[in-house]
Each structure stands twice: as structure tokens, then as C-alpha cells.
C-alpha atoms as a PDB file:
ATOM      1  CA  MET A   1       7.033   6.224   5.347  1.00  0.00           C
ATOM      2  CA  LEU A   2       9.025   5.439   2.223  1.00  0.00           C
ATOM      3  CA  ILE A   3      11.867   7.487   0.778  1.00  0.00           C
ATOM      4  CA  SER A   4      13.061   6.020  -2.506  1.00  0.00           C
ATOM      5  CA  ASP A   5      14.978   6.844  -5.628  1.00  0.00           C
ATOM      6  CA  LEU A   6      13.124   6.104  -8.845  1.00  0.00           C
ATOM      7  CA  ALA A   7      16.119   4.392 -10.467  1.00  0.00           C
ATOM      8  CA  LEU A   8      16.817   1.188  -8.541  1.00  0.00           C
ATOM      9  CA  PRO A   9      19.214  -1.615  -9.487  1.00  0.00           C
ATOM     10  CA  ASP A  10      16.494  -4.282  -9.606  1.00  0.00           C
ATOM     11  CA  GLY A  11      13.459  -2.306 -10.782  1.00  0.00           C
ATOM     12  CA  THR A  12      12.073   1.171 -10.354  1.00  0.00           C
ATOM     13  CA  GLY A  13      10.790   3.210  -7.456  1.00  0.00           C
ATOM     14  CA  ILE A  14       7.518   3.405  -9.379  1.00  0.00           C
ATOM     15  CA  ASP A  15       7.232  -0.411  -9.347  1.00  0.00           C
ATOM     16  CA  LEU A  16       8.136  -0.529  -5.656  1.00  0.00           C
ATOM     17  CA  MET A  17       5.600   2.142  -4.748  1.00  0.00           C
ATOM     18  CA  GLN A  18       2.810   0.507  -6.731  1.00  0.00           C
ATOM     19  CA  LYS A  19       3.471  -2.781  -4.940  1.00  0.00           C
ATOM     20  CA  LEU A  20       3.635  -1.234  -1.468  1.00  0.00           C
ATOM     21  CA  HIS A  21       0.772   1.205  -2.008  1.00  0.00           C
ATOM     22  CA  SER A  22      -1.505  -1.653  -3.054  1.00  0.00           C
ATOM     23  CA  THR A  23      -1.042  -3.336   0.342  1.00  0.00           C
ATOM     24  CA  ARG A  24      -1.208  -0.323   2.679  1.00  0.00           C
ATOM     25  CA  PRO A  25      -1.323   3.468   2.613  1.00  0.00           C
ATOM     26  CA  LEU A  26       1.948   5.201   3.338  1.00  0.00           C
ATOM     27  CA  LEU A  27       3.639   8.546   2.999  1.00  0.00           C
ATOM     28  CA  ALA A  28       6.139   8.299   0.162  1.00  0.00           C
ATOM     29  CA  ILE A  29       8.810  10.694  -1.054  1.00  0.00           C
ATOM     30  CA  ALA A  30      10.594  10.191  -4.372  1.00  0.00           C
ATOM     31  CA  LEU A  31      14.218  11.377  -4.526  1.00  0.00           C
ATOM     32  CA  THR A  32      15.371  11.355  -8.108  1.00  0.00           C
ATOM     33  CA  GLY A  33      17.361  12.865 -10.919  1.00  0.00           C
ATOM     34  CA  PHE A  34      14.273  12.598 -13.123  1.00  0.00           C
ATOM     35  CA  GLY A  35      12.472  15.928 -13.006  1.00  0.00           C
ATOM     36  CA  MET A  36      10.490  16.234 -16.209  1.00  0.00           C
ATOM     37  CA  GLU A  37       6.760  16.894 -15.917  1.00  0.00           C
ATOM     38  CA  ASP A  38       6.010  13.327 -17.058  1.00  0.00           C
ATOM     39  CA  ASP A  39       8.331  11.910 -14.363  1.00  0.00           C
ATOM     40  CA  VAL A  40       6.550  13.883 -11.644  1.00  0.00           C
ATOM     41  CA  ARG A  41       3.150  12.809 -12.969  1.00  0.00           C
ATOM     42  CA  LYS A  42       4.163   9.130 -13.015  1.00  0.00           C
ATOM     43  CA  SER A  43       5.512   9.225  -9.465  1.00  0.00           C
ATOM     44  CA  HIS A  44       2.330  10.873  -8.174  1.00  0.00           C
ATOM     45  CA  GLU A  45       0.162   8.378 -10.069  1.00  0.00           C
ATOM     46  CA  ALA A  46       2.126   5.548  -8.447  1.00  0.00           C
ATOM     47  CA  GLY A  47       1.360   6.945  -4.986  1.00  0.00           C
ATOM     48  CA  PHE A  48       4.315   9.176  -4.121  1.00  0.00           C
ATOM     49  CA  GLN A  49       2.998  12.296  -2.392  1.00  0.00           C
ATOM     50  CA  HIS A  50       6.231  14.230  -2.958  1.00  0.00           C
ATOM     51  CA  HIS A  51       8.788  14.276  -5.791  1.00  0.00           C
ATOM     52  CA  LEU A  52      12.159  15.876  -4.990  1.00  0.00           C
ATOM     53  CA  VAL A  53      14.727  16.321  -7.745  1.00  0.00           C
ATOM     54  CA  LYS A  54      18.430  15.916  -6.938  1.00  0.00           C
ATOM     55  CA  PRO A  55      20.295  17.753  -5.675  1.00  0.00           C
ATOM     56  CA  ILE A  56      17.609  18.009  -3.052  1.00  0.00           C
ATOM     57  CA  ASP A  57      17.070  20.692  -0.456  1.00  0.00           C
ATOM     58  CA  LEU A  58      17.796  18.843   2.803  1.00  0.00           C
ATOM     59  CA  ASN A  59      15.661  21.316   4.757  1.00  0.00           C
ATOM     60  CA  LYS A  60      12.695  20.482   2.507  1.00  0.00           C
ATOM     61  CA  LEU A  61      13.270  16.729   2.988  1.00  0.00           C
ATOM     62  CA  ASP A  62      13.567  17.184   6.757  1.00  0.00           C
ATOM     63  CA  SER A  63      10.345  19.194   6.802  1.00  0.00           C
ATOM     64  CA  LEU A  64       8.482  16.508   4.834  1.00  0.00           C
ATOM     65  CA  ILE A  65       9.783  13.791   7.179  1.00  0.00           C
ATOM     66  CA  GLN A  66       8.840  15.790  10.285  1.00  0.00           C
ATOM     67  CA  ASP A  67       5.361  16.530   8.912  1.00  0.00           C
ATOM     68  CA  GLY A  68       4.907  12.860   8.038  1.00  0.00           C
ATOM     69  CA  ALA A  69       6.064  11.693  11.459  1.00  0.00           C
ATOM     70  CA  ALA A  70       3.728  14.156  13.169  1.00  0.00           C
ATOM     71  CA  ALA A  71       0.796  12.741  11.190  1.00  0.00           C
ATOM     72  CA  LEU A  72       1.439   9.170  12.375  1.00  0.00           C
ATOM     73  CA  PRO A  73      -1.044   7.838  14.905  1.00  0.00           C
ATOM     74  CA  THR A  74       0.297   7.485  18.423  1.00  0.00           C
ATOM     75  CA  ALA A  75      -0.239   4.379  20.515  1.00  0.00           C
END
């Protein structure tokens, strides 16, 4: 699971997600101040399943994390 801002000091969350998503599938949540329709589209195209705009609803984030953790395979 990846939770990332889209504005990073050494690149973008989009770049990071594209790199990670190309090597393995993962649940990814974007936390960002960028909330225009184009921003949401770009994050989803990069592989983020969820796009939360700051200030975020912590209950929503917790729910997404719990749902993602429940979907993980158990050993």
C-alpha cells in the first residue's frame, strides 16, 4: 500500500506511482492539494485508486486503509 502526496521535493507522486506500479500491483492513495478534474484523472491514470484532496477526511483515509489491509492475502 502506498500513501503519497503528489508534490514531492524530488519529483512527483505521479512519477513515483508509475515507477512502482510498473514493478508490482499495489493499492495507492494520493493525498494532495491538487483537486482539479485533470489532477484526479492523471493520478488515476498513473495507478492511484483513490485521490483525496487536502484537508482530508481522516475517517475516509482510515476506511480506505482498513479496506486495503483487509484485501491483502494472508500467509
